[in-house]
Structures are given as C-alpha cells and as structure tokens.
Amino acid sequence: MLGATQLSAQEVKNDVKIFPNPATNVINVLGLKNDTNAAISIRDSYGTQIIYHQWDIKRNALNIPVFNLEKGLYMISIQSENQNVKAKFYKQ
C-alpha cells in the first residue's frame, strides 16, 4: 500500500514534472523525451493497475485524463525506450 503524504507539484528524475498534484481532471507531465511511443500505467494504492495505455509523446509532454478515477493516491509509471519515470499523485 502506498503511504499517504502531503503532495505538491512533483519533480521526478530527469527534470520531469507532474502537476497539478493533487489533480482533479487531468495530470500534465512535462520534460519527457520525445519518443515514438510510451507505455503509461496508473496503479491505485493497492497496486492494482487502473489504466494502461500506449501514448505518442509530442512536444515533450503528456496530458492524461484522470477525471474518472476515484479520490485517492495513485502511482504513475511512464516507460519508453529512453526513459522510465515513476511518481505518486493524489486525485481529489
């Protein structure tokens, strides 16, 4: 189970930023390396995969809709050929 903590805009390795945190409708991911494809996984606090999707990274950024998620703590994982990013975010 993921620990609940006060979360704000989060800087992740490689200067990747995930915001807003907490999120309501969308989380923005900036600073990604342009790749043709990235695998995005979002897991709940129990480790259950809620979302899995292949995205094309354009302009070093992603906008990921989270409006349909229940309130709570989540872990996002972004894996591509050149980059692996993991971060926690809270859905309000």
PDB file of N, CA and C in Angstrom:
ATOM      1  N   MET A   1       0.844  -1.176   0.000  1.00  0.00           N
ATOM      2  CA  MET A   1       0.000   0.000   0.000  1.00  0.00           C
ATOM      3  C   MET A   1       0.892   1.243   0.000  1.00  0.00           C
ATOM      4  N   LEU A   2       0.586   2.213  -0.818  1.00  0.00           N
ATOM      5  CA  LEU A   2       1.372   3.441  -0.894  1.00  0.00           C
ATOM      6  C   LEU A   2       1.084   4.310   0.314  1.00  0.00           C
ATOM      7  N   GLY A   3       2.113   4.955   0.859  1.00  0.00           N
ATOM      8  CA  GLY A   3       1.919   5.833   2.010  1.00  0.00           C
ATOM      9  C   GLY A   3       1.270   7.138   1.601  1.00  0.00           C
ATOM     10  N   ALA A   4       0.306   7.598   2.381  1.00  0.00           N
ATOM     11  CA  ALA A   4      -0.356   8.875   2.099  1.00  0.00           C
ATOM     12  C   ALA A   4       0.495  10.000   2.677  1.00  0.00           C
ATOM     13  N   THR A   5       0.857  10.956   1.841  1.00  0.00           N
ATOM     14  CA  THR A   5       1.653  12.097   2.281  1.00  0.00           C
ATOM     15  C   THR A   5       1.125  13.349   1.624  1.00  0.00           C
ATOM     16  N   GLN A   6       1.543  14.511   2.139  1.00  0.00           N
ATOM     17  CA  GLN A   6       1.212  15.796   1.514  1.00  0.00           C
ATOM     18  C   GLN A   6       1.942  15.843   0.181  1.00  0.00           C
ATOM     19  N   LEU A   7       1.222  16.029  -0.918  1.00  0.00           N
ATOM     20  CA  LEU A   7       1.830  16.036  -2.235  1.00  0.00           C
ATOM     21  C   LEU A   7       1.629  17.383  -2.902  1.00  0.00           C
ATOM     22  N   SER A   8       2.649  17.845  -3.597  1.00  0.00           N
ATOM     23  CA  SER A   8       2.549  19.074  -4.378  1.00  0.00           C
ATOM     24  C   SER A   8       3.112  18.776  -5.758  1.00  0.00           C
ATOM     25  N   ALA A   9       3.277  19.808  -6.595  1.00  0.00           N
ATOM     26  CA  ALA A   9       3.883  19.572  -7.908  1.00  0.00           C
ATOM     27  C   ALA A   9       5.184  18.829  -7.673  1.00  0.00           C
ATOM     28  N   GLN A  10       5.376  17.750  -8.367  1.00  0.00           N
ATOM     29  CA  GLN A  10       6.449  16.825  -8.040  1.00  0.00           C
ATOM     30  C   GLN A  10       7.489  16.808  -9.146  1.00  0.00           C
ATOM     31  N   GLU A  11       8.741  16.968  -8.754  1.00  0.00           N
ATOM     32  CA  GLU A  11       9.832  16.864  -9.712  1.00  0.00           C
ATOM     33  C   GLU A  11      10.380  15.451  -9.631  1.00  0.00           C
ATOM     34  N   VAL A  12      10.434  14.797 -10.744  1.00  0.00           N
ATOM     35  CA  VAL A  12      10.879  13.422 -10.827  1.00  0.00           C
ATOM     36  C   VAL A  12      12.202  13.421 -11.581  1.00  0.00           C
ATOM     37  N   LYS A  13      12.964  12.333 -11.480  1.00  0.00           N
ATOM     38  CA  LYS A  13      14.269  12.297 -12.125  1.00  0.00           C
ATOM     39  C   LYS A  13      14.170  12.704 -13.593  1.00  0.00           C
ATOM     40  N   ASN A  14      15.260  13.217 -14.118  1.00  0.00           N
ATOM     41  CA  ASN A  14      15.360  13.703 -15.492  1.00  0.00           C
ATOM     42  C   ASN A  14      14.545  14.970 -15.721  1.00  0.00           C
ATOM     43  N   ASP A  15      14.298  15.741 -14.673  1.00  0.00           N
ATOM     44  CA  ASP A  15      13.577  17.007 -14.784  1.00  0.00           C
ATOM     45  C   ASP A  15      12.150  16.850 -15.293  1.00  0.00           C
ATOM     46  N   VAL A  16      11.541  15.714 -15.074  1.00  0.00           N
ATOM     47  CA  VAL A  16      10.144  15.508 -15.439  1.00  0.00           C
ATOM     48  C   VAL A  16       9.283  16.061 -14.318  1.00  0.00           C
ATOM     49  N   LYS A  17       8.272  16.853 -14.691  1.00  0.00           N
ATOM     50  CA  LYS A  17       7.369  17.438 -13.707  1.00  0.00           C
ATOM     51  C   LYS A  17       5.962  16.915 -13.944  1.00  0.00           C
ATOM     52  N   ILE A  18       5.283  16.572 -12.846  1.00  0.00           N
ATOM     53  CA  ILE A  18       3.910  16.084 -12.897  1.00  0.00           C
ATOM     54  C   ILE A  18       3.061  17.025 -12.065  1.00  0.00           C
ATOM     55  N   PHE A  19       2.026  17.599 -12.680  1.00  0.00           N
ATOM     56  CA  PHE A  19       1.177  18.568 -11.987  1.00  0.00           C
ATOM     57  C   PHE A  19      -0.188  18.620 -12.658  1.00  0.00           C
ATOM     58  N   PRO A  20      -1.221  19.164 -12.046  1.00  0.00           N
ATOM     59  CA  PRO A  20      -1.253  19.582 -10.646  1.00  0.00           C
ATOM     60  C   PRO A  20      -1.300  18.359  -9.746  1.00  0.00           C
ATOM     61  N   ASN A  21      -0.882  18.548  -8.546  1.00  0.00           N
ATOM     62  CA  ASN A  21      -0.897  17.463  -7.578  1.00  0.00           C
ATOM     63  C   ASN A  21      -1.262  18.055  -6.228  1.00  0.00           C
ATOM     64  N   PRO A  22      -2.488  17.895  -5.790  1.00  0.00           N
ATOM     65  CA  PRO A  22      -3.499  16.935  -6.236  1.00  0.00           C
ATOM     66  C   PRO A  22      -4.163  17.344  -7.548  1.00  0.00           C
ATOM     67  N   ALA A  23      -4.673  16.332  -8.259  1.00  0.00           N
ATOM     68  CA  ALA A  23      -5.310  16.528  -9.559  1.00  0.00           C
ATOM     69  C   ALA A  23      -6.817  16.339  -9.440  1.00  0.00           C
ATOM     70  N   THR A  24      -7.550  16.966 -10.361  1.00  0.00           N
ATOM     71  CA  THR A  24      -8.998  16.758 -10.404  1.00  0.00           C
ATOM     72  C   THR A  24      -9.432  16.124 -11.724  1.00  0.00           C
ATOM     73  N   ASN A  25      -9.016  16.692 -12.854  1.00  0.00           N
ATOM     74  CA  ASN A  25      -9.456  16.197 -14.159  1.00  0.00           C
ATOM     75  C   ASN A  25      -8.336  15.639 -15.029  1.00  0.00           C
ATOM     76  N   VAL A  26      -7.171  16.285 -14.981  1.00  0.00           N
ATOM     77  CA  VAL A  26      -6.052  15.933 -15.861  1.00  0.00           C
ATOM     78  C   VAL A  26      -4.755  16.078 -15.084  1.00  0.00           C
ATOM     79  N   ILE A  27      -3.790  15.187 -15.359  1.00  0.00           N
ATOM     80  CA  ILE A  27      -2.432  15.432 -14.886  1.00  0.00           C
ATOM     81  C   ILE A  27      -1.572  15.724 -16.109  1.00  0.00           C
ATOM     82  N   ASN A  28      -0.700  16.697 -15.956  1.00  0.00           N
ATOM     83  CA  ASN A  28       0.216  17.109 -17.011  1.00  0.00           C
ATOM     84  C   ASN A  28       1.599  16.573 -16.677  1.00  0.00           C
ATOM     85  N   VAL A  29       2.260  16.032 -17.665  1.00  0.00           N
ATOM     86  CA  VAL A  29       3.615  15.520 -17.497  1.00  0.00           C
ATOM     87  C   VAL A  29       4.498  16.278 -18.478  1.00  0.00           C
ATOM     88  N   LEU A  30       5.453  17.048 -17.953  1.00  0.00           N
ATOM     89  CA  LEU A  30       6.359  17.847 -18.780  1.00  0.00           C
ATOM     90  C   LEU A  30       7.790  17.362 -18.620  1.00  0.00           C
ATOM     91  N   GLY A  31       8.586  17.541 -19.656  1.00  0.00           N
ATOM     92  CA  GLY A  31      10.002  17.211 -19.596  1.00  0.00           C
ATOM     93  C   GLY A  31      10.335  15.822 -20.085  1.00  0.00           C
ATOM     94  N   LEU A  32       9.378  15.165 -20.733  1.00  0.00           N
ATOM     95  CA  LEU A  32       9.644  13.842 -21.281  1.00  0.00           C
ATOM     96  C   LEU A  32      10.486  13.963 -22.540  1.00  0.00           C
ATOM     97  N   LYS A  33      11.234  12.917 -22.826  1.00  0.00           N
ATOM     98  CA  LYS A  33      11.998  12.882 -24.069  1.00  0.00           C
ATOM     99  C   LYS A  33      11.052  12.467 -25.191  1.00  0.00           C
ATOM    100  N   ASN A  34      11.170  13.128 -26.327  1.00  0.00           N
ATOM    101  CA  ASN A  34      10.323  12.775 -27.468  1.00  0.00           C
ATOM    102  C   ASN A  34      10.664  11.372 -27.945  1.00  0.00           C
ATOM    103  N   ASP A  35       9.716  10.505 -27.842  1.00  0.00           N
ATOM    104  CA  ASP A  35       9.831   9.135 -28.322  1.00  0.00           C
ATOM    105  C   ASP A  35       8.637   8.882 -29.226  1.00  0.00           C
ATOM    106  N   THR A  36       8.698   7.825 -29.962  1.00  0.00           N
ATOM    107  CA  THR A  36       7.538   7.500 -30.773  1.00  0.00           C
ATOM    108  C   THR A  36       6.405   6.962 -29.914  1.00  0.00           C
ATOM    109  N   ASN A  37       6.731   6.305 -28.813  1.00  0.00           N
ATOM    110  CA  ASN A  37       5.696   5.663 -28.023  1.00  0.00           C
ATOM    111  C   ASN A  37       6.155   5.492 -26.577  1.00  0.00           C
ATOM    112  N   ALA A  38       5.213   5.621 -25.656  1.00  0.00           N
ATOM    113  CA  ALA A  38       5.493   5.385 -24.238  1.00  0.00           C
ATOM    114  C   ALA A  38       4.329   4.611 -23.638  1.00  0.00           C
ATOM    115  N   ALA A  39       4.629   3.710 -22.729  1.00  0.00           N
ATOM    116  CA  ALA A  39       3.605   2.950 -22.016  1.00  0.00           C
ATOM    117  C   ALA A  39       3.307   3.665 -20.705  1.00  0.00           C
ATOM    118  N   ILE A  40       2.033   4.013 -20.501  1.00  0.00           N
ATOM    119  CA  ILE A  40       1.603   4.716 -19.299  1.00  0.00           C
ATOM    120  C   ILE A  40       0.769   3.756 -18.471  1.00  0.00           C
ATOM    121  N   SER A  41       1.145   3.610 -17.210  1.00  0.00           N
ATOM    122  CA  SER A  41       0.402   2.762 -16.287  1.00  0.00           C
ATOM    123  C   SER A  41       0.071   3.573 -15.043  1.00  0.00           C
ATOM    124  N   ILE A  42      -1.178   3.499 -14.603  1.00  0.00           N
ATOM    125  CA  ILE A  42      -1.580   4.131 -13.348  1.00  0.00           C
ATOM    126  C   ILE A  42      -2.126   3.042 -12.442  1.00  0.00           C
ATOM    127  N   ARG A  43      -1.563   2.968 -11.230  1.00  0.00           N
ATOM    128  CA  ARG A  43      -1.974   1.964 -10.239  1.00  0.00           C
ATOM    129  C   ARG A  43      -2.532   2.655  -9.009  1.00  0.00           C
ATOM    130  N   ASP A  44      -3.501   2.003  -8.367  1.00  0.00           N
ATOM    131  CA  ASP A  44      -4.068   2.566  -7.140  1.00  0.00           C
ATOM    132  C   ASP A  44      -3.162   2.243  -5.955  1.00  0.00           C
ATOM    133  N   SER A  45      -3.590   2.640  -4.763  1.00  0.00           N
ATOM    134  CA  SER A  45      -2.757   2.465  -3.565  1.00  0.00           C
ATOM    135  C   SER A  45      -2.573   1.002  -3.176  1.00  0.00           C
ATOM    136  N   TYR A  46      -3.355   0.096  -3.765  1.00  0.00           N
ATOM    137  CA  TYR A  46      -3.198  -1.333  -3.507  1.00  0.00           C
ATOM    138  C   TYR A  46      -2.318  -2.013  -4.556  1.00  0.00           C
ATOM    139  N   GLY A  47      -1.874  -1.243  -5.560  1.00  0.00           N
ATOM    140  CA  GLY A  47      -1.034  -1.794  -6.610  1.00  0.00           C
ATOM    141  C   GLY A  47      -1.800  -2.335  -7.803  1.00  0.00           C
ATOM    142  N   THR A  48      -3.119  -2.190  -7.794  1.00  0.00           N
ATOM    143  CA  THR A  48      -3.942  -2.664  -8.899  1.00  0.00           C
ATOM    144  C   THR A  48      -3.832  -1.700 -10.079  1.00  0.00           C
ATOM    145  N   GLN A  49      -3.535  -2.234 -11.250  1.00  0.00           N
ATOM    146  CA  GLN A  49      -3.437  -1.384 -12.435  1.00  0.00           C
ATOM    147  C   GLN A  49      -4.829  -0.914 -12.840  1.00  0.00           C
ATOM    148  N   ILE A  50      -5.017   0.399 -12.882  1.00  0.00           N
ATOM    149  CA  ILE A  50      -6.300   1.012 -13.212  1.00  0.00           C
ATOM    150  C   ILE A  50      -6.324   1.440 -14.675  1.00  0.00           C
ATOM    151  N   ILE A  51      -5.217   1.986 -15.154  1.00  0.00           N
ATOM    152  CA  ILE A  51      -5.117   2.473 -16.531  1.00  0.00           C
ATOM    153  C   ILE A  51      -3.820   1.957 -17.132  1.00  0.00           C
ATOM    154  N   TYR A  52      -3.897   1.493 -18.375  1.00  0.00           N
ATOM    155  CA  TYR A  52      -2.703   1.175 -19.153  1.00  0.00           C
ATOM    156  C   TYR A  52      -2.975   1.647 -20.572  1.00  0.00           C
ATOM    157  N   HIS A  53      -2.063   2.436 -21.118  1.00  0.00           N
ATOM    158  CA  HIS A  53      -2.280   2.977 -22.455  1.00  0.00           C
ATOM    159  C   HIS A  53      -0.938   3.274 -23.114  1.00  0.00           C
ATOM    160  N   GLN A  54      -0.866   3.094 -24.413  1.00  0.00           N
ATOM    161  CA  GLN A  54       0.300   3.486 -25.204  1.00  0.00           C
ATOM    162  C   GLN A  54       0.041   4.886 -25.754  1.00  0.00           C
ATOM    163  N   TRP A  55       0.949   5.816 -25.515  1.00  0.00           N
ATOM    164  CA  TRP A  55       0.793   7.196 -25.972  1.00  0.00           C
ATOM    165  C   TRP A  55       1.987   7.591 -26.822  1.00  0.00           C
ATOM    166  N   ASP A  56       1.744   8.443 -27.806  1.00  0.00           N
ATOM    167  CA  ASP A  56       2.823   9.105 -28.535  1.00  0.00           C
ATOM    168  C   ASP A  56       3.175  10.369 -27.769  1.00  0.00           C
ATOM    169  N   ILE A  57       4.461  10.550 -27.495  1.00  0.00           N
ATOM    170  CA  ILE A  57       4.898  11.753 -26.780  1.00  0.00           C
ATOM    171  C   ILE A  57       5.175  12.837 -27.809  1.00  0.00           C
ATOM    172  N   LYS A  58       4.476  13.933 -27.666  1.00  0.00           N
ATOM    173  CA  LYS A  58       4.626  15.080 -28.565  1.00  0.00           C
ATOM    174  C   LYS A  58       5.016  16.292 -27.736  1.00  0.00           C
ATOM    175  N   ARG A  59       5.953  17.068 -28.216  1.00  0.00           N
ATOM    176  CA  ARG A  59       6.397  18.303 -27.561  1.00  0.00           C
ATOM    177  C   ARG A  59       6.835  18.066 -26.112  1.00  0.00           C
ATOM    178  N   ASN A  60       7.416  16.922 -25.847  1.00  0.00           N
ATOM    179  CA  ASN A  60       7.970  16.585 -24.522  1.00  0.00           C
ATOM    180  C   ASN A  60       6.924  16.605 -23.416  1.00  0.00           C
ATOM    181  N   ALA A  61       5.639  16.384 -23.752  1.00  0.00           N
ATOM    182  CA  ALA A  61       4.594  16.495 -22.741  1.00  0.00           C
ATOM    183  C   ALA A  61       3.459  15.508 -22.997  1.00  0.00           C
ATOM    184  N   LEU A  62       2.752  15.196 -21.913  1.00  0.00           N
ATOM    185  CA  LEU A  62       1.530  14.394 -21.977  1.00  0.00           C
ATOM    186  C   LEU A  62       0.468  15.060 -21.117  1.00  0.00           C
ATOM    187  N   ASN A  63      -0.775  14.967 -21.533  1.00  0.00           N
ATOM    188  CA  ASN A  63      -1.922  15.368 -20.721  1.00  0.00           C
ATOM    189  C   ASN A  63      -2.771  14.118 -20.546  1.00  0.00           C
ATOM    190  N   ILE A  64      -2.853  13.636 -19.311  1.00  0.00           N
ATOM    191  CA  ILE A  64      -3.513  12.364 -19.047  1.00  0.00           C
ATOM    192  C   ILE A  64      -4.806  12.609 -18.282  1.00  0.00           C
ATOM    193  N   PRO A  65      -5.955  12.232 -18.861  1.00  0.00           N
ATOM    194  CA  PRO A  65      -7.224  12.434 -18.166  1.00  0.00           C
ATOM    195  C   PRO A  65      -7.350  11.495 -16.966  1.00  0.00           C
ATOM    196  N   VAL A  66      -7.732  12.060 -15.824  1.00  0.00           N
ATOM    197  CA  VAL A  66      -7.929  11.261 -14.606  1.00  0.00           C
ATOM    198  C   VAL A  66      -9.282  11.557 -13.958  1.00  0.00           C
ATOM    199  N   PHE A  67     -10.176  12.234 -14.683  1.00  0.00           N
ATOM    200  CA  PHE A  67     -11.462  12.637 -14.117  1.00  0.00           C
ATOM    201  C   PHE A  67     -12.303  11.457 -13.664  1.00  0.00           C
ATOM    202  N   ASN A  68     -12.108  10.281 -14.264  1.00  0.00           N
ATOM    203  CA  ASN A  68     -12.913   9.118 -13.920  1.00  0.00           C
ATOM    204  C   ASN A  68     -12.338   8.290 -12.770  1.00  0.00           C
ATOM    205  N   LEU A  69     -11.181   8.677 -12.228  1.00  0.00           N
ATOM    206  CA  LEU A  69     -10.594   7.954 -11.096  1.00  0.00           C
ATOM    207  C   LEU A  69     -11.279   8.358  -9.795  1.00  0.00           C
ATOM    208  N   GLU A  70     -11.367   7.428  -8.871  1.00  0.00           N
ATOM    209  CA  GLU A  70     -11.865   7.719  -7.526  1.00  0.00           C
ATOM    210  C   GLU A  70     -10.836   8.566  -6.791  1.00  0.00           C
ATOM    211  N   LYS A  71     -11.278   9.296  -5.766  1.00  0.00           N
ATOM    212  CA  LYS A  71     -10.343  10.059  -4.940  1.00  0.00           C
ATOM    213  C   LYS A  71      -9.355   9.102  -4.291  1.00  0.00           C
ATOM    214  N   GLY A  72      -8.085   9.517  -4.234  1.00  0.00           N
ATOM    215  CA  GLY A  72      -7.094   8.680  -3.575  1.00  0.00           C
ATOM    216  C   GLY A  72      -5.703   8.866  -4.143  1.00  0.00           C
ATOM    217  N   LEU A  73      -4.775   8.067  -3.627  1.00  0.00           N
ATOM    218  CA  LEU A  73      -3.372   8.116  -4.008  1.00  0.00           C
ATOM    219  C   LEU A  73      -3.105   7.119  -5.133  1.00  0.00           C
ATOM    220  N   TYR A  74      -2.343   7.546  -6.142  1.00  0.00           N
ATOM    221  CA  TYR A  74      -2.029   6.712  -7.297  1.00  0.00           C
ATOM    222  C   TYR A  74      -0.542   6.805  -7.623  1.00  0.00           C
ATOM    223  N   MET A  75      -0.054   5.793  -8.330  1.00  0.00           N
ATOM    224  CA  MET A  75       1.314   5.769  -8.836  1.00  0.00           C
ATOM    225  C   MET A  75       1.241   5.741 -10.356  1.00  0.00           C
ATOM    226  N   ILE A  76       1.923   6.686 -10.996  1.00  0.00           N
ATOM    227  CA  ILE A  76       2.006   6.689 -12.456  1.00  0.00           C
ATOM    228  C   ILE A  76       3.390   6.212 -12.861  1.00  0.00           C
ATOM    229  N   SER A  77       3.427   5.369 -13.868  1.00  0.00           N
ATOM    230  CA  SER A  77       4.678   4.855 -14.415  1.00  0.00           C
ATOM    231  C   SER A  77       4.673   5.132 -15.920  1.00  0.00           C
ATOM    232  N   ILE A  78       5.728   5.762 -16.397  1.00  0.00           N
ATOM    233  CA  ILE A  78       5.866   6.083 -17.816  1.00  0.00           C
ATOM    234  C   ILE A  78       7.142   5.414 -18.297  1.00  0.00           C
ATOM    235  N   GLN A  79       7.004   4.478 -19.229  1.00  0.00           N
ATOM    236  CA  GLN A  79       8.161   3.738 -19.724  1.00  0.00           C
ATOM    237  C   GLN A  79       8.252   3.891 -21.237  1.00  0.00           C
ATOM    238  N   SER A  80       9.434   4.289 -21.674  1.00  0.00           N
ATOM    239  CA  SER A  80       9.704   4.388 -23.102  1.00  0.00           C
ATOM    240  C   SER A  80      11.095   3.824 -23.354  1.00  0.00           C
ATOM    241  N   GLU A  81      11.508   3.861 -24.594  1.00  0.00           N
ATOM    242  CA  GLU A  81      12.828   3.339 -24.940  1.00  0.00           C
ATOM    243  C   GLU A  81      13.935   4.104 -24.231  1.00  0.00           C
ATOM    244  N   ASN A  82      13.742   5.410 -24.026  1.00  0.00           N
ATOM    245  CA  ASN A  82      14.794   6.261 -23.474  1.00  0.00           C
ATOM    246  C   ASN A  82      14.577   6.712 -22.044  1.00  0.00           C
ATOM    247  N   GLN A  83      13.456   6.382 -21.438  1.00  0.00           N
ATOM    248  CA  GLN A  83      13.143   6.979 -20.144  1.00  0.00           C
ATOM    249  C   GLN A  83      12.170   6.105 -19.362  1.00  0.00           C
ATOM    250  N   ASN A  84      12.385   6.047 -18.050  1.00  0.00           N
ATOM    251  CA  ASN A  84      11.459   5.404 -17.125  1.00  0.00           C
ATOM    252  C   ASN A  84      11.206   6.366 -15.979  1.00  0.00           C
ATOM    253  N   VAL A  85       9.947   6.720 -15.766  1.00  0.00           N
ATOM    254  CA  VAL A  85       9.572   7.683 -14.734  1.00  0.00           C
ATOM    255  C   VAL A  85       8.484   7.069 -13.875  1.00  0.00           C
ATOM    256  N   LYS A  86       8.609   7.219 -12.558  1.00  0.00           N
ATOM    257  CA  LYS A  86       7.565   6.803 -11.622  1.00  0.00           C
ATOM    258  C   LYS A  86       7.332   7.933 -10.644  1.00  0.00           C
ATOM    259  N   ALA A  87       6.060   8.196 -10.350  1.00  0.00           N
ATOM    260  CA  ALA A  87       5.727   9.259  -9.403  1.00  0.00           C
ATOM    261  C   ALA A  87       4.357   8.991  -8.800  1.00  0.00           C
ATOM    262  N   LYS A  88       4.154   9.525  -7.603  1.00  0.00           N
ATOM    263  CA  LYS A  88       2.850   9.443  -6.941  1.00  0.00           C
ATOM    264  C   LYS A  88       2.071  10.719  -7.225  1.00  0.00           C
ATOM    265  N   PHE A  89       0.750  10.584  -7.304  1.00  0.00           N
ATOM    266  CA  PHE A  89      -0.109  11.761  -7.363  1.00  0.00           C
ATOM    267  C   PHE A  89      -1.397  11.452  -6.624  1.00  0.00           C
ATOM    268  N   TYR A  90      -2.045  12.503  -6.174  1.00  0.00           N
ATOM    269  CA  TYR A  90      -3.291  12.355  -5.441  1.00  0.00           C
ATOM    270  C   TYR A  90      -4.429  12.875  -6.309  1.00  0.00           C
ATOM    271  N   LYS A  91      -5.504  12.100  -6.419  1.00  0.00           N
ATOM    272  CA  LYS A  91      -6.702  12.508  -7.157  1.00  0.00           C
ATOM    273  C   LYS A  91      -7.725  13.025  -6.160  1.00  0.00           C
ATOM    274  N   GLN A  92      -8.160  14.284  -6.346  1.00  0.00           N
ATOM    275  CA  GLN A  92      -9.175  14.879  -5.461  1.00  0.00           C
ATOM    276  C   GLN A  92     -10.548  14.534  -5.950  1.00  0.00           C
TER     277      GLN A  92
END
